[in-house]
Amino acid sequence: IPAVSEESSVTDVLGKVVSGEADAGLVYVTDVKNAQG
C-alpha cells in the first residue's frame, strides 16, 4: 500500500478520511461503526 501518511493512532486515520484528506484508510471495525453516516 503506497500510503500518503502513517498516523500515530487509528482515530487519526479515521479523521483524515472523514475530513476528505484521504480517499481510504485502514481502521478497526469499531471505528467505522462509531462513524456511521
Full PDB file with SEQRES, HELIX, SHEET, SSBOND, CRYST1, ORIGX, SCALE, CONECT and MASTER records, all heavy atoms in Angstrom:
SEQRES   1 A   37  ILE PRO ALA VAL SER GLU GLU SER SER VAL THR ASP VAL          
SEQRES   2 A   37  LEU GLY LYS VAL VAL SER GLY GLU ALA ASP ALA GLY LEU          
SEQRES   3 A   37  VAL TYR VAL THR ASP VAL LYS ASN ALA GLN GLY                  
HELIX    1 AA1 VAL A   10  SER A   19  1                                  10    
HELIX    2 AA2 VAL A   29  ASN A   34  1                                   6    
CRYST1    1.000    1.000    1.000  90.00  90.00  90.00 P 1           1          
ORIGX1      1.000000  0.000000  0.000000        0.00000                         
ORIGX2      0.000000  1.000000  0.000000        0.00000                         
ORIGX3      0.000000  0.000000  1.000000        0.00000                         
SCALE1      1.000000  0.000000  0.000000        0.00000                         
SCALE2      0.000000  1.000000  0.000000        0.00000                         
SCALE3      0.000000  0.000000  1.000000        0.00000                         
ATOM      1  N   ILE A   1       0.842  -1.196   0.000  1.00  0.00           N  
ATOM      2  CA  ILE A   1       0.000   0.000   0.000  1.00  0.00           C  
ATOM      3  C   ILE A   1       0.878   1.247   0.000  1.00  0.00           C  
ATOM      4  O   ILE A   1       1.614   1.492   0.969  1.00  0.00           O  
ATOM      5  CB  ILE A   1      -0.933   0.015   1.226  1.00  0.00           C  
ATOM      6  CG1 ILE A   1      -1.818  -1.232   1.236  1.00  0.00           C  
ATOM      7  CG2 ILE A   1      -1.785   1.275   1.246  1.00  0.00           C  
ATOM      8  CD1 ILE A   1      -2.627  -1.395   2.511  1.00  0.00           C  
ATOM      9  N   PRO A   2       0.828   2.066  -1.049  1.00  0.00           N  
ATOM     10  CA  PRO A   2       1.622   3.307  -1.096  1.00  0.00           C  
ATOM     11  C   PRO A   2       0.941   4.419  -0.291  1.00  0.00           C  
ATOM     12  O   PRO A   2       0.387   5.373  -0.846  1.00  0.00           O  
ATOM     13  CB  PRO A   2       1.668   3.628  -2.589  1.00  0.00           C  
ATOM     14  CG  PRO A   2       0.374   3.081  -3.114  1.00  0.00           C  
ATOM     15  CD  PRO A   2       0.060   1.858  -2.301  1.00  0.00           C  
ATOM     16  N   ALA A   3       1.007   4.306   1.014  1.00  0.00           N  
ATOM     17  CA  ALA A   3       0.279   5.237   1.884  1.00  0.00           C  
ATOM     18  C   ALA A   3       0.838   6.657   1.769  1.00  0.00           C  
ATOM     19  O   ALA A   3       2.047   6.847   1.672  1.00  0.00           O  
ATOM     20  CB  ALA A   3       0.362   4.767   3.326  1.00  0.00           C  
ATOM     21  N   VAL A   4      -0.061   7.626   1.795  1.00  0.00           N  
ATOM     22  CA  VAL A   4       0.367   9.028   1.747  1.00  0.00           C  
ATOM     23  C   VAL A   4       0.773   9.533   3.128  1.00  0.00           C  
ATOM     24  O   VAL A   4       1.441  10.564   3.244  1.00  0.00           O  
ATOM     25  CB  VAL A   4      -0.740   9.932   1.151  1.00  0.00           C  
ATOM     26  CG1 VAL A   4      -1.003   9.567  -0.301  1.00  0.00           C  
ATOM     27  CG2 VAL A   4      -2.024   9.845   1.978  1.00  0.00           C  
ATOM     28  N   SER A   5       0.351   8.813   4.199  1.00  0.00           N  
ATOM     29  CA  SER A   5       0.799   9.160   5.555  1.00  0.00           C  
ATOM     30  C   SER A   5       0.589   7.973   6.477  1.00  0.00           C  
ATOM     31  O   SER A   5      -0.247   7.106   6.229  1.00  0.00           O  
ATOM     32  CB  SER A   5       0.050  10.385   6.102  1.00  0.00           C  
ATOM     33  OG  SER A   5      -1.291  10.068   6.397  1.00  0.00           O  
ATOM     34  N   GLU A   6       1.393   7.948   7.550  1.00  0.00           N  
ATOM     35  CA  GLU A   6       1.265   6.942   8.599  1.00  0.00           C  
ATOM     36  C   GLU A   6       0.974   7.672   9.906  1.00  0.00           C  
ATOM     37  O   GLU A   6       1.760   8.519  10.332  1.00  0.00           O  
ATOM     38  CB  GLU A   6       2.542   6.107   8.713  1.00  0.00           C  
ATOM     39  CG  GLU A   6       2.829   5.270   7.470  1.00  0.00           C  
ATOM     40  CD  GLU A   6       4.074   4.418   7.632  1.00  0.00           C  
ATOM     41  OE1 GLU A   6       4.839   4.633   8.611  1.00  0.00           O  
ATOM     42  OE2 GLU A   6       4.291   3.534   6.783  1.00  0.00           O  
ATOM     43  N   GLU A   7      -0.142   7.342  10.517  1.00  0.00           N  
ATOM     44  CA  GLU A   7      -0.625   8.087  11.682  1.00  0.00           C  
ATOM     45  C   GLU A   7      -0.298   7.373  12.990  1.00  0.00           C  
ATOM     46  O   GLU A   7      -0.090   6.161  13.030  1.00  0.00           O  
ATOM     47  CB  GLU A   7      -2.137   8.297  11.567  1.00  0.00           C  
ATOM     48  CG  GLU A   7      -2.579   8.989  10.285  1.00  0.00           C  
ATOM     49  CD  GLU A   7      -1.987  10.381  10.117  1.00  0.00           C  
ATOM     50  OE1 GLU A   7      -1.859  11.085  11.132  1.00  0.00           O  
ATOM     51  OE2 GLU A   7      -1.641  10.753   8.983  1.00  0.00           O  
ATOM     52  N   SER A   8      -0.281   8.149  14.079  1.00  0.00           N  
ATOM     53  CA  SER A   8       0.090   7.602  15.386  1.00  0.00           C  
ATOM     54  C   SER A   8      -1.070   6.963  16.134  1.00  0.00           C  
ATOM     55  O   SER A   8      -0.881   6.368  17.191  1.00  0.00           O  
ATOM     56  CB  SER A   8       0.700   8.698  16.266  1.00  0.00           C  
ATOM     57  OG  SER A   8      -0.235   9.738  16.484  1.00  0.00           O  
ATOM     58  N   SER A   9      -2.283   7.083  15.601  1.00  0.00           N  
ATOM     59  CA  SER A   9      -3.440   6.420  16.211  1.00  0.00           C  
ATOM     60  C   SER A   9      -4.492   6.149  15.148  1.00  0.00           C  
ATOM     61  O   SER A   9      -4.538   6.822  14.111  1.00  0.00           O  
ATOM     62  CB  SER A   9      -4.050   7.261  17.338  1.00  0.00           C  
ATOM     63  OG  SER A   9      -4.780   8.353  16.817  1.00  0.00           O  
ATOM     64  N   VAL A  10      -5.340   5.180  15.430  1.00  0.00           N  
ATOM     65  CA  VAL A  10      -6.369   4.794  14.467  1.00  0.00           C  
ATOM     66  C   VAL A  10      -7.400   5.910  14.280  1.00  0.00           C  
ATOM     67  O   VAL A  10      -7.964   6.079  13.192  1.00  0.00           O  
ATOM     68  CB  VAL A  10      -7.042   3.467  14.906  1.00  0.00           C  
ATOM     69  CG1 VAL A  10      -7.890   3.669  16.157  1.00  0.00           C  
ATOM     70  CG2 VAL A  10      -7.865   2.862  13.784  1.00  0.00           C  
ATOM     71  N   THR A  11      -7.627   6.699  15.330  1.00  0.00           N  
ATOM     72  CA  THR A  11      -8.590   7.794  15.208  1.00  0.00           C  
ATOM     73  C   THR A  11      -8.079   8.883  14.265  1.00  0.00           C  
ATOM     74  O   THR A  11      -8.868   9.579  13.629  1.00  0.00           O  
ATOM     75  CB  THR A  11      -8.911   8.397  16.586  1.00  0.00           C  
ATOM     76  OG1 THR A  11      -7.689   8.685  17.270  1.00  0.00           O  
ATOM     77  CG2 THR A  11      -9.733   7.436  17.421  1.00  0.00           C  
ATOM     78  N   ASP A  12      -6.756   9.031  14.162  1.00  0.00           N  
ATOM     79  CA  ASP A  12      -6.189   9.997  13.219  1.00  0.00           C  
ATOM     80  C   ASP A  12      -6.414   9.546  11.774  1.00  0.00           C  
ATOM     81  O   ASP A  12      -6.671  10.368  10.881  1.00  0.00           O  
ATOM     82  CB  ASP A  12      -4.696  10.187  13.478  1.00  0.00           C  
ATOM     83  CG  ASP A  12      -4.409  10.900  14.795  1.00  0.00           C  
ATOM     84  OD1 ASP A  12      -5.306  11.598  15.293  1.00  0.00           O  
ATOM     85  OD2 ASP A  12      -3.295  10.738  15.332  1.00  0.00           O  
ATOM     86  N   VAL A  13      -6.296   8.241  11.540  1.00  0.00           N  
ATOM     87  CA  VAL A  13      -6.580   7.706  10.200  1.00  0.00           C  
ATOM     88  C   VAL A  13      -8.037   7.970   9.841  1.00  0.00           C  
ATOM     89  O   VAL A  13      -8.348   8.483   8.758  1.00  0.00           O  
ATOM     90  CB  VAL A  13      -6.287   6.185  10.141  1.00  0.00           C  
ATOM     91  CG1 VAL A  13      -6.733   5.606   8.796  1.00  0.00           C  
ATOM     92  CG2 VAL A  13      -4.809   5.921  10.368  1.00  0.00           C  
ATOM     93  N   LEU A  14      -8.922   7.639  10.756  1.00  0.00           N  
ATOM     94  CA  LEU A  14     -10.350   7.857  10.516  1.00  0.00           C  
ATOM     95  C   LEU A  14     -10.637   9.329  10.263  1.00  0.00           C  
ATOM     96  O   LEU A  14     -11.403   9.685   9.353  1.00  0.00           O  
ATOM     97  CB  LEU A  14     -11.152   7.362  11.721  1.00  0.00           C  
ATOM     98  CG  LEU A  14     -12.671   7.517  11.633  1.00  0.00           C  
ATOM     99  CD1 LEU A  14     -13.240   6.652  10.523  1.00  0.00           C  
ATOM    100  CD2 LEU A  14     -13.330   7.171  12.971  1.00  0.00           C  
ATOM    101  N   GLY A  15     -10.022  10.201  11.038  1.00  0.00           N  
ATOM    102  CA  GLY A  15     -10.257  11.634  10.900  1.00  0.00           C  
ATOM    103  C   GLY A  15      -9.886  12.159   9.527  1.00  0.00           C  
ATOM    104  O   GLY A  15     -10.573  13.029   8.979  1.00  0.00           O  
ATOM    105  N   LYS A  16      -8.831  11.633   8.934  1.00  0.00           N  
ATOM    106  CA  LYS A  16      -8.413  12.103   7.608  1.00  0.00           C  
ATOM    107  C   LYS A  16      -9.384  11.655   6.523  1.00  0.00           C  
ATOM    108  O   LYS A  16      -9.590  12.367   5.533  1.00  0.00           O  
ATOM    109  CB  LYS A  16      -6.992  11.625   7.309  1.00  0.00           C  
ATOM    110  CG  LYS A  16      -5.952  12.343   8.145  1.00  0.00           C  
ATOM    111  CD  LYS A  16      -4.568  12.335   7.504  1.00  0.00           C  
ATOM    112  CE  LYS A  16      -3.660  13.325   8.225  1.00  0.00           C  
ATOM    113  NZ  LYS A  16      -2.332  13.447   7.594  1.00  0.00           N  
ATOM    114  N   VAL A  17      -9.980  10.486   6.703  1.00  0.00           N  
ATOM    115  CA  VAL A  17     -10.988  10.033   5.728  1.00  0.00           C  
ATOM    116  C   VAL A  17     -12.272  10.841   5.896  1.00  0.00           C  
ATOM    117  O   VAL A  17     -12.887  11.274   4.912  1.00  0.00           O  
ATOM    118  CB  VAL A  17     -11.256   8.526   5.884  1.00  0.00           C  
ATOM    119  CG1 VAL A  17     -12.369   8.082   4.928  1.00  0.00           C  
ATOM    120  CG2 VAL A  17      -9.991   7.724   5.612  1.00  0.00           C  
ATOM    121  N   VAL A  18     -12.671  11.065   7.140  1.00  0.00           N  
ATOM    122  CA  VAL A  18     -13.894  11.842   7.402  1.00  0.00           C  
ATOM    123  C   VAL A  18     -13.764  13.261   6.856  1.00  0.00           C  
ATOM    124  O   VAL A  18     -14.705  13.816   6.278  1.00  0.00           O  
ATOM    125  CB  VAL A  18     -14.187  11.880   8.921  1.00  0.00           C  
ATOM    126  CG1 VAL A  18     -15.298  12.884   9.226  1.00  0.00           C  
ATOM    127  CG2 VAL A  18     -14.593  10.498   9.424  1.00  0.00           C  
ATOM    128  N   SER A  19     -12.582  13.864   7.014  1.00  0.00           N  
ATOM    129  CA  SER A  19     -12.380  15.252   6.583  1.00  0.00           C  
ATOM    130  C   SER A  19     -12.173  15.390   5.078  1.00  0.00           C  
ATOM    131  O   SER A  19     -12.157  16.513   4.556  1.00  0.00           O  
ATOM    132  CB  SER A  19     -11.174  15.847   7.313  1.00  0.00           C  
ATOM    133  OG  SER A  19      -9.968  15.207   6.893  1.00  0.00           O  
ATOM    134  N   GLY A  20     -11.975  14.269   4.375  1.00  0.00           N  
ATOM    135  CA  GLY A  20     -11.749  14.323   2.936  1.00  0.00           C  
ATOM    136  C   GLY A  20     -10.296  14.456   2.547  1.00  0.00           C  
ATOM    137  O   GLY A  20      -9.972  14.574   1.364  1.00  0.00           O  
ATOM    138  N   GLU A  21      -9.381  14.428   3.537  1.00  0.00           N  
ATOM    139  CA  GLU A  21      -7.955  14.495   3.227  1.00  0.00           C  
ATOM    140  C   GLU A  21      -7.437  13.205   2.608  1.00  0.00           C  
ATOM    141  O   GLU A  21      -6.379  13.185   1.994  1.00  0.00           O  
ATOM    142  CB  GLU A  21      -7.156  14.791   4.500  1.00  0.00           C  
ATOM    143  CG  GLU A  21      -7.409  16.160   5.112  1.00  0.00           C  
ATOM    144  CD  GLU A  21      -6.593  16.355   6.377  1.00  0.00           C  
ATOM    145  OE1 GLU A  21      -5.351  16.382   6.261  1.00  0.00           O  
ATOM    146  OE2 GLU A  21      -7.191  16.465   7.459  1.00  0.00           O  
ATOM    147  N   ALA A  22      -8.171  12.116   2.807  1.00  0.00           N  
ATOM    148  CA  ALA A  22      -7.762  10.822   2.264  1.00  0.00           C  
ATOM    149  C   ALA A  22      -8.951  10.153   1.587  1.00  0.00           C  
ATOM    150  O   ALA A  22     -10.109  10.396   1.950  1.00  0.00           O  
ATOM    151  CB  ALA A  22      -7.217   9.938   3.377  1.00  0.00           C  
ATOM    152  N   ASP A  23      -8.635   9.288   0.601  1.00  0.00           N  
ATOM    153  CA  ASP A  23      -9.678   8.551  -0.127  1.00  0.00           C  
ATOM    154  C   ASP A  23     -10.024   7.244   0.563  1.00  0.00           C  
ATOM    155  O   ASP A  23     -11.111   6.687   0.346  1.00  0.00           O  
ATOM    156  CB  ASP A  23      -9.210   8.232  -1.553  1.00  0.00           C  
ATOM    157  CG  ASP A  23      -8.854   9.481  -2.344  1.00  0.00           C  
ATOM    158  OD1 ASP A  23      -9.567  10.496  -2.196  1.00  0.00           O  
ATOM    159  OD2 ASP A  23      -7.865   9.442  -3.114  1.00  0.00           O  
ATOM    160  N   ALA A  24      -9.100   6.738   1.357  1.00  0.00           N  
ATOM    161  CA  ALA A  24      -9.315   5.456   2.033  1.00  0.00           C  
ATOM    162  C   ALA A  24      -8.342   5.322   3.195  1.00  0.00           C  
ATOM    163  O   ALA A  24      -7.335   6.039   3.279  1.00  0.00           O  
ATOM    164  CB  ALA A  24      -9.112   4.296   1.051  1.00  0.00           C  
ATOM    165  N   GLY A  25      -8.637   4.382   4.077  1.00  0.00           N  
ATOM    166  CA  GLY A  25      -7.753   4.109   5.201  1.00  0.00           C  
ATOM    167  C   GLY A  25      -8.052   2.730   5.746  1.00  0.00           C  
ATOM    168  O   GLY A  25      -9.041   2.095   5.369  1.00  0.00           O  
ATOM    169  N   LEU A  26      -7.187   2.283   6.626  1.00  0.00           N  
ATOM    170  CA  LEU A  26      -7.412   1.012   7.322  1.00  0.00           C  
ATOM    171  C   LEU A  26      -7.596   1.313   8.800  1.00  0.00           C  
ATOM    172  O   LEU A  26      -6.682   1.845   9.457  1.00  0.00           O  
ATOM    173  CB  LEU A  26      -6.246   0.055   7.094  1.00  0.00           C  
ATOM    174  CG  LEU A  26      -6.260  -0.666   5.743  1.00  0.00           C  
ATOM    175  CD1 LEU A  26      -4.938  -1.382   5.504  1.00  0.00           C  
ATOM    176  CD2 LEU A  26      -7.409  -1.660   5.677  1.00  0.00           C  
ATOM    177  N   VAL A  27      -8.783   1.001   9.314  1.00  0.00           N  
ATOM    178  CA  VAL A  27      -9.123   1.242  10.709  1.00  0.00           C  
ATOM    179  C   VAL A  27      -9.823  -0.003  11.243  1.00  0.00           C  
ATOM    180  O   VAL A  27     -10.001  -0.982  10.524  1.00  0.00           O  
ATOM    181  CB  VAL A  27     -10.043   2.481  10.865  1.00  0.00           C  
ATOM    182  CG1 VAL A  27      -9.358   3.739  10.349  1.00  0.00           C  
ATOM    183  CG2 VAL A  27     -11.373   2.274  10.145  1.00  0.00           C  
ATOM    184  N   TYR A  28     -10.228   0.045  12.497  1.00  0.00           N  
ATOM    185  CA  TYR A  28     -10.943  -1.088  13.065  1.00  0.00           C  
ATOM    186  C   TYR A  28     -12.433  -1.044  12.701  1.00  0.00           C  
ATOM    187  O   TYR A  28     -12.998   0.026  12.435  1.00  0.00           O  
ATOM    188  CB  TYR A  28     -10.805  -1.099  14.587  1.00  0.00           C  
ATOM    189  CG  TYR A  28      -9.400  -1.343  15.067  1.00  0.00           C  
ATOM    190  CD1 TYR A  28      -8.732  -0.373  15.809  1.00  0.00           C  
ATOM    191  CD2 TYR A  28      -8.728  -2.531  14.784  1.00  0.00           C  
ATOM    192  CE1 TYR A  28      -7.437  -0.584  16.263  1.00  0.00           C  
ATOM    193  CE2 TYR A  28      -7.433  -2.746  15.227  1.00  0.00           C  
ATOM    194  CZ  TYR A  28      -6.793  -1.774  15.971  1.00  0.00           C  
ATOM    195  OH  TYR A  28      -5.509  -1.971  16.405  1.00  0.00           O  
ATOM    196  N   VAL A  29     -13.038  -2.217  12.733  1.00  0.00           N  
ATOM    197  CA  VAL A  29     -14.483  -2.327  12.502  1.00  0.00           C  
ATOM    198  C   VAL A  29     -15.241  -1.384  13.432  1.00  0.00           C  
ATOM    199  O   VAL A  29     -16.215  -0.736  13.032  1.00  0.00           O  
ATOM    200  CB  VAL A  29     -14.941  -3.786  12.741  1.00  0.00           C  
ATOM    201  CG1 VAL A  29     -16.461  -3.894  12.738  1.00  0.00           C  
ATOM    202  CG2 VAL A  29     -14.334  -4.721  11.701  1.00  0.00           C  
ATOM    203  N   THR A  30     -14.803  -1.286  14.673  1.00  0.00           N  
ATOM    204  CA  THR A  30     -15.494  -0.450  15.659  1.00  0.00           C  
ATOM    205  C   THR A  30     -15.435   1.030  15.300  1.00  0.00           C  
ATOM    206  O   THR A  30     -16.372   1.786  15.583  1.00  0.00           O  
ATOM    207  CB  THR A  30     -14.874  -0.661  17.050  1.00  0.00           C  
ATOM    208  OG1 THR A  30     -13.454  -0.482  16.954  1.00  0.00           O  
ATOM    209  CG2 THR A  30     -15.154  -2.066  17.556  1.00  0.00           C  
ATOM    210  N   ASP A  31     -14.334   1.464  14.685  1.00  0.00           N  
ATOM    211  CA  ASP A  31     -14.209   2.877  14.291  1.00  0.00           C  
ATOM    212  C   ASP A  31     -15.217   3.225  13.204  1.00  0.00           C  
ATOM    213  O   ASP A  31     -15.819   4.303  13.210  1.00  0.00           O  
ATOM    214  CB  ASP A  31     -12.790   3.173  13.813  1.00  0.00           C  
ATOM    215  CG  ASP A  31     -11.759   2.970  14.904  1.00  0.00           C  
ATOM    216  OD1 ASP A  31     -11.836   3.664  15.925  1.00  0.00           O  
ATOM    217  OD2 ASP A  31     -10.890   2.092  14.746  1.00  0.00           O  
ATOM    218  N   VAL A  32     -15.377   2.316  12.257  1.00  0.00           N  
ATOM    219  CA  VAL A  32     -16.363   2.532  11.185  1.00  0.00           C  
ATOM    220  C   VAL A  32     -17.766   2.572  11.776  1.00  0.00           C  
ATOM    221  O   VAL A  32     -18.579   3.444  11.440  1.00  0.00           O  
ATOM    222  CB  VAL A  32     -16.252   1.423  10.119  1.00  0.00           C  
ATOM    223  CG1 VAL A  32     -17.352   1.592   9.070  1.00  0.00           C  
ATOM    224  CG2 VAL A  32     -14.882   1.453   9.449  1.00  0.00           C  
ATOM    225  N   LYS A  33     -18.050   1.660  12.682  1.00  0.00           N  
ATOM    226  CA  LYS A  33     -19.377   1.594  13.303  1.00  0.00           C  
ATOM    227  C   LYS A  33     -19.707   2.886  14.043  1.00  0.00           C  
ATOM    228  O   LYS A  33     -20.830   3.398  13.976  1.00  0.00           O  
ATOM    229  CB  LYS A  33     -19.436   0.408  14.271  1.00  0.00           C  
ATOM    230  CG  LYS A  33     -20.792   0.196  14.943  1.00  0.00           C  
ATOM    231  CD  LYS A  33     -20.744  -1.012  15.861  1.00  0.00           C  
ATOM    232  CE  LYS A  33     -22.049  -1.201  16.612  1.00  0.00           C  
ATOM    233  NZ  LYS A  33     -23.168  -1.552  15.714  1.00  0.00           N  
ATOM    234  N   ASN A  34     -18.695   3.439  14.726  1.00  0.00           N  
ATOM    235  CA  ASN A  34     -18.926   4.650  15.516  1.00  0.00           C  
ATOM    236  C   ASN A  34     -19.036   5.908  14.660  1.00  0.00           C  
ATOM    237  O   ASN A  34     -19.468   6.949  15.142  1.00  0.00           O  
ATOM    238  CB  ASN A  34     -17.804   4.827  16.539  1.00  0.00           C  
ATOM    239  CG  ASN A  34     -17.807   3.718  17.570  1.00  0.00           C  
ATOM    240  OD1 ASN A  34     -18.830   3.110  17.837  1.00  0.00           O  
ATOM    241  ND2 ASN A  34     -16.649   3.435  18.137  1.00  0.00           N  
ATOM    242  N   ALA A  35     -18.617   5.810  13.383  1.00  0.00           N  
ATOM    243  CA  ALA A  35     -18.697   6.976  12.483  1.00  0.00           C  
ATOM    244  C   ALA A  35     -19.767   6.776  11.413  1.00  0.00           C  
ATOM    245  O   ALA A  35     -19.672   7.353  10.324  1.00  0.00           O  
ATOM    246  CB  ALA A  35     -17.342   7.208  11.829  1.00  0.00           C  
ATOM    247  N   GLN A  36     -20.763   5.979  11.722  1.00  0.00           N  
ATOM    248  CA  GLN A  36     -21.831   5.713  10.759  1.00  0.00           C  
ATOM    249  C   GLN A  36     -22.458   7.016  10.268  1.00  0.00           C  
ATOM    250  O   GLN A  36     -22.687   7.940  11.039  1.00  0.00           O  
ATOM    251  CB  GLN A  36     -22.909   4.835  11.397  1.00  0.00           C  
ATOM    252  CG  GLN A  36     -22.501   3.374  11.511  1.00  0.00           C  
ATOM    253  CD  GLN A  36     -23.583   2.533  12.160  1.00  0.00           C  
ATOM    254  OE1 GLN A  36     -24.522   3.050  12.756  1.00  0.00           O  
ATOM    255  NE2 GLN A  36     -23.455   1.224  12.056  1.00  0.00           N  
ATOM    256  N   GLY A  37     -22.719   7.057   8.964  1.00  0.00           N  
ATOM    257  CA  GLY A  37     -23.297   8.252   8.373  1.00  0.00           C  
ATOM    258  C   GLY A  37     -22.253   9.167   7.771  1.00  0.00           C  
ATOM    259  O   GLY A  37     -22.567  10.017   6.946  1.00  0.00           O  
TER     260      GLY A  37                                                      
MASTER        0    0    0    2    0    0    0    6  259    1    0    3          
END                                                                             
